Structure formats: C-alpha cells, structure tokens
C-alpha cells in the first residue's frame, strides 16, 4: 500500500471530511480512501450497461459543446529550431 500526504488542506475541508466520516461510521482516513476510490472507479453507462473510464467520461462532458473545432495546423508551419 502507498502513503499519500496532502499538504495545505483547507481547514474547512478537513472539518467537512471529519463530519462525513463520522456520519458514515468510519475514520477520516477510511473516508478519504473511499472518496478517492469512487472518484477513479469505472462507471457503468445506464443506457447500455457498458463500463466507461475517466477518459470516456471527460470526452462525453466536452462532446456536448457543439461548434468547438480545433483548427488544423498548416504543414509548412512546423520547422526545425535554428540555434545559430
């Protein structure tokens, strides 16, 4: 198992974590482990029961932005650096 140290945590966040942990009947450390595990877990799509990871979820969020296009770079734009 790995150990992670979180520095400069806002005191209000710590208090909220303590309250959430107490409400769930676990230690603050166990609560944070659960939060982290859930945040990176694969999530099933309710429409077709397939499982999607974080990358697919991010793509889905941004796919809703119609009209967002990345312009193609002209072929002659890239050139070697001149260090002379």
N, C-alpha and C. Protein backbone atom coordinates (compact mmCIF):
# COMPACT_ATOMS: atom_id res chain seq x y z
N UNK A 1 0.83 -1.19 0.00
CA UNK A 1 0.00 0.00 0.00
C UNK A 1 0.87 1.25 0.00
N UNK A 2 0.38 2.28 -0.62
CA UNK A 2 1.10 3.54 -0.70
C UNK A 2 0.60 4.50 0.37
N UNK A 3 1.45 5.46 0.67
CA UNK A 3 1.09 6.52 1.60
C UNK A 3 1.10 7.83 0.84
N UNK A 4 0.08 8.64 1.04
CA UNK A 4 -0.04 9.94 0.38
C UNK A 4 -0.19 11.01 1.45
N UNK A 5 0.55 12.09 1.30
CA UNK A 5 0.44 13.22 2.21
C UNK A 5 -0.19 14.37 1.45
N UNK A 6 -1.19 14.98 2.05
CA UNK A 6 -1.86 16.13 1.42
C UNK A 6 -1.53 17.36 2.26
N UNK A 7 -0.79 18.26 1.65
CA UNK A 7 -0.40 19.49 2.35
C UNK A 7 -1.36 20.62 2.00
N UNK A 8 -1.39 21.60 2.86
CA UNK A 8 -2.17 22.83 2.65
C UNK A 8 -3.66 22.56 2.42
N UNK A 9 -4.18 21.57 3.12
CA UNK A 9 -5.61 21.28 3.04
C UNK A 9 -6.38 22.35 3.79
N UNK A 10 -7.37 22.91 3.14
CA UNK A 10 -8.19 23.94 3.75
C UNK A 10 -8.83 23.37 5.02
N UNK A 11 -8.74 24.10 6.14
CA UNK A 11 -9.31 23.60 7.40
C UNK A 11 -10.80 23.26 7.29
N UNK A 12 -11.54 24.00 6.47
CA UNK A 12 -12.97 23.72 6.30
C UNK A 12 -13.18 22.38 5.61
N UNK A 13 -12.28 22.03 4.69
CA UNK A 13 -12.37 20.73 4.01
C UNK A 13 -12.13 19.61 5.01
N UNK A 14 -11.16 19.81 5.89
CA UNK A 14 -10.85 18.80 6.91
C UNK A 14 -12.06 18.59 7.83
N UNK A 15 -12.68 19.67 8.25
CA UNK A 15 -13.85 19.56 9.12
C UNK A 15 -14.98 18.84 8.40
N UNK A 16 -15.19 19.17 7.12
CA UNK A 16 -16.24 18.51 6.34
C UNK A 16 -15.95 17.02 6.19
N UNK A 17 -14.67 16.67 5.98
CA UNK A 17 -14.30 15.26 5.88
C UNK A 17 -14.54 14.53 7.20
N UNK A 18 -14.21 15.19 8.32
CA UNK A 18 -14.44 14.58 9.63
C UNK A 18 -15.93 14.32 9.87
N UNK A 19 -16.76 15.30 9.49
CA UNK A 19 -18.21 15.14 9.67
C UNK A 19 -18.74 14.03 8.78
N UNK A 20 -18.28 14.00 7.54
CA UNK A 20 -18.73 12.97 6.59
C UNK A 20 -18.30 11.58 7.07
N UNK A 21 -17.08 11.48 7.56
CA UNK A 21 -16.58 10.19 8.07
C UNK A 21 -17.40 9.74 9.27
N UNK A 22 -17.69 10.65 10.18
CA UNK A 22 -18.48 10.31 11.36
C UNK A 22 -19.88 9.85 10.96
N UNK A 23 -20.46 10.53 9.98
CA UNK A 23 -21.80 10.17 9.52
C UNK A 23 -21.82 8.78 8.89
N UNK A 24 -20.70 8.38 8.30
CA UNK A 24 -20.61 7.07 7.66
C UNK A 24 -20.01 6.01 8.58
N UNK A 25 -19.71 6.41 9.82
CA UNK A 25 -19.20 5.46 10.80
C UNK A 25 -17.80 4.95 10.51
N UNK A 26 -16.94 5.79 9.95
CA UNK A 26 -15.56 5.37 9.69
C UNK A 26 -14.60 6.48 10.03
N UNK A 27 -13.32 6.14 10.01
CA UNK A 27 -12.29 7.13 10.28
C UNK A 27 -12.19 8.09 9.10
N UNK A 28 -11.56 9.23 9.34
CA UNK A 28 -11.37 10.19 8.26
C UNK A 28 -10.50 9.58 7.16
N UNK A 29 -9.50 8.81 7.56
CA UNK A 29 -8.62 8.16 6.58
C UNK A 29 -9.41 7.18 5.71
N UNK A 30 -10.26 6.38 6.33
CA UNK A 30 -11.08 5.43 5.57
C UNK A 30 -12.05 6.16 4.64
N UNK A 31 -12.57 7.28 5.12
CA UNK A 31 -13.49 8.07 4.30
C UNK A 31 -12.78 8.62 3.07
N UNK A 32 -11.56 9.13 3.27
CA UNK A 32 -10.81 9.66 2.12
C UNK A 32 -10.45 8.56 1.14
N UNK A 33 -10.11 7.36 1.64
CA UNK A 33 -9.82 6.24 0.75
C UNK A 33 -11.04 5.92 -0.10
N UNK A 34 -12.21 5.91 0.53
CA UNK A 34 -13.44 5.61 -0.20
C UNK A 34 -13.74 6.68 -1.25
N UNK A 35 -13.57 7.94 -0.89
CA UNK A 35 -13.82 9.04 -1.83
C UNK A 35 -12.89 8.92 -3.04
N UNK A 36 -11.61 8.67 -2.78
CA UNK A 36 -10.66 8.54 -3.88
C UNK A 36 -10.97 7.33 -4.75
N UNK A 37 -11.30 6.21 -4.14
CA UNK A 37 -11.63 5.00 -4.90
C UNK A 37 -12.84 5.23 -5.79
N UNK A 38 -13.86 5.86 -5.26
CA UNK A 38 -15.06 6.13 -6.05
C UNK A 38 -14.79 7.10 -7.19
N UNK A 39 -13.91 8.07 -6.96
CA UNK A 39 -13.67 9.09 -7.98
C UNK A 39 -12.94 8.54 -9.20
N UNK A 40 -12.20 7.46 -9.05
CA UNK A 40 -11.46 6.90 -10.19
C UNK A 40 -12.06 5.59 -10.69
N UNK A 41 -13.13 5.12 -10.05
CA UNK A 41 -13.77 3.87 -10.45
C UNK A 41 -14.44 4.03 -11.81
N UNK A 42 -14.50 2.94 -12.53
CA UNK A 42 -15.22 2.95 -13.81
C UNK A 42 -16.71 2.98 -13.51
N UNK A 43 -17.44 3.74 -14.33
CA UNK A 43 -18.86 3.95 -14.10
C UNK A 43 -19.65 3.31 -15.23
N UNK A 44 -20.63 2.44 -14.91
CA UNK A 44 -21.43 1.84 -15.98
C UNK A 44 -22.37 2.87 -16.61
N UNK A 45 -22.51 2.80 -17.92
CA UNK A 45 -23.44 3.67 -18.63
C UNK A 45 -24.85 3.10 -18.43
N UNK A 46 -25.77 3.87 -17.88
CA UNK A 46 -27.11 3.33 -17.60
C UNK A 46 -27.87 2.93 -18.87
N UNK A 47 -27.49 3.47 -20.03
CA UNK A 47 -28.22 3.18 -21.27
C UNK A 47 -27.87 1.82 -21.86
N UNK A 48 -26.62 1.40 -21.73
CA UNK A 48 -26.25 0.13 -22.35
C UNK A 48 -25.40 -0.76 -21.46
N UNK A 49 -25.27 -0.40 -20.19
CA UNK A 49 -24.54 -1.20 -19.20
C UNK A 49 -23.07 -1.43 -19.52
N UNK A 50 -22.52 -0.68 -20.46
CA UNK A 50 -21.08 -0.75 -20.70
C UNK A 50 -20.38 0.04 -19.61
N UNK A 51 -19.14 -0.26 -19.37
CA UNK A 51 -18.38 0.41 -18.33
C UNK A 51 -17.41 1.38 -18.99
N UNK A 52 -17.41 2.62 -18.50
CA UNK A 52 -16.55 3.65 -19.05
C UNK A 52 -15.60 4.17 -17.99
N UNK A 53 -14.39 4.48 -18.40
CA UNK A 53 -13.40 5.04 -17.51
C UNK A 53 -13.44 6.55 -17.51
N UNK A 54 -12.49 7.14 -16.83
CA UNK A 54 -12.44 8.59 -16.67
C UNK A 54 -12.30 9.31 -18.01
N UNK A 55 -11.45 8.81 -18.90
CA UNK A 55 -11.23 9.46 -20.19
C UNK A 55 -12.52 9.56 -21.00
N UNK A 56 -13.28 8.50 -21.01
CA UNK A 56 -14.55 8.50 -21.75
C UNK A 56 -15.54 9.45 -21.12
N UNK A 57 -15.55 9.50 -19.79
CA UNK A 57 -16.47 10.43 -19.11
C UNK A 57 -16.11 11.88 -19.42
N UNK A 58 -14.82 12.20 -19.46
CA UNK A 58 -14.39 13.57 -19.80
C UNK A 58 -14.78 13.88 -21.23
N UNK A 59 -14.54 12.94 -22.14
CA UNK A 59 -14.91 13.14 -23.55
C UNK A 59 -16.41 13.41 -23.68
N UNK A 60 -17.21 12.65 -22.95
CA UNK A 60 -18.66 12.82 -23.01
C UNK A 60 -19.07 14.21 -22.54
N UNK A 61 -18.41 14.71 -21.50
CA UNK A 61 -18.73 16.05 -20.99
C UNK A 61 -18.47 17.12 -22.05
N UNK A 62 -17.35 17.01 -22.76
CA UNK A 62 -16.99 18.04 -23.73
C UNK A 62 -17.62 17.82 -25.09
N UNK A 63 -18.15 16.63 -25.36
CA UNK A 63 -18.79 16.35 -26.64
C UNK A 63 -20.06 17.18 -26.81
N UNK A 64 -20.62 17.63 -25.70
CA UNK A 64 -21.84 18.43 -25.76
C UNK A 64 -21.59 19.84 -26.29
N UNK A 65 -20.34 20.27 -26.39
CA UNK A 65 -20.02 21.60 -26.86
C UNK A 65 -19.98 21.61 -28.38
N UNK A 66 -21.12 21.87 -28.98
CA UNK A 66 -21.19 21.93 -30.45
C UNK A 66 -20.41 23.13 -30.97
N UNK A 67 -19.82 22.96 -32.13
CA UNK A 67 -19.12 24.05 -32.78
C UNK A 67 -17.69 24.24 -32.32
N UNK A 68 -17.23 23.46 -31.39
CA UNK A 68 -15.86 23.58 -30.91
C UNK A 68 -14.97 22.78 -31.84
N UNK A 69 -14.16 23.47 -32.60
CA UNK A 69 -13.28 22.81 -33.54
C UNK A 69 -11.84 23.23 -33.29
N UNK A 70 -10.94 22.29 -33.42
CA UNK A 70 -9.53 22.59 -33.31
C UNK A 70 -9.01 22.78 -34.73
N UNK A 71 -8.53 23.98 -35.05
CA UNK A 71 -8.08 24.22 -36.42
C UNK A 71 -6.85 23.38 -36.75
N UNK A 72 -6.79 22.93 -38.00
CA UNK A 72 -5.63 22.17 -38.44
C UNK A 72 -4.47 23.12 -38.64
N UNK A 73 -3.30 22.65 -38.30
CA UNK A 73 -2.09 23.43 -38.46
C UNK A 73 -1.56 23.25 -39.89
N UNK A 74 -1.23 24.34 -40.58
CA UNK A 74 -0.68 24.18 -41.93
C UNK A 74 0.62 23.37 -41.89
N UNK A 75 0.84 22.55 -42.91
CA UNK A 75 2.00 21.67 -42.96
C UNK A 75 3.31 22.45 -42.92
N UNK A 76 3.34 23.67 -43.47
CA UNK A 76 4.58 24.42 -43.51
C UNK A 76 4.86 25.20 -42.22
N UNK A 77 3.96 25.15 -41.25
CA UNK A 77 4.13 25.90 -40.03
C UNK A 77 5.22 25.31 -39.12
N UNK A 78 5.32 23.98 -39.09
CA UNK A 78 6.32 23.34 -38.23
C UNK A 78 7.68 23.35 -38.92
N UNK A 79 8.70 23.82 -38.20
CA UNK A 79 10.04 23.83 -38.78
C UNK A 79 11.06 23.64 -37.66
N UNK A 80 12.23 23.23 -38.04
CA UNK A 80 13.29 22.96 -37.08
C UNK A 80 13.76 24.27 -36.43
N UNK A 81 14.19 24.15 -35.17
CA UNK A 81 14.73 25.31 -34.46
C UNK A 81 16.10 25.68 -35.02
N UNK A 82 16.37 26.97 -35.07
CA UNK A 82 17.66 27.46 -35.56
C UNK A 82 18.47 27.93 -34.35
N UNK A 83 19.55 27.20 -34.01
CA UNK A 83 20.37 27.51 -32.85
C UNK A 83 21.66 28.26 -33.21
N UNK A 84 21.72 28.84 -34.40
CA UNK A 84 22.96 29.53 -34.80
C UNK A 84 23.06 30.91 -34.19
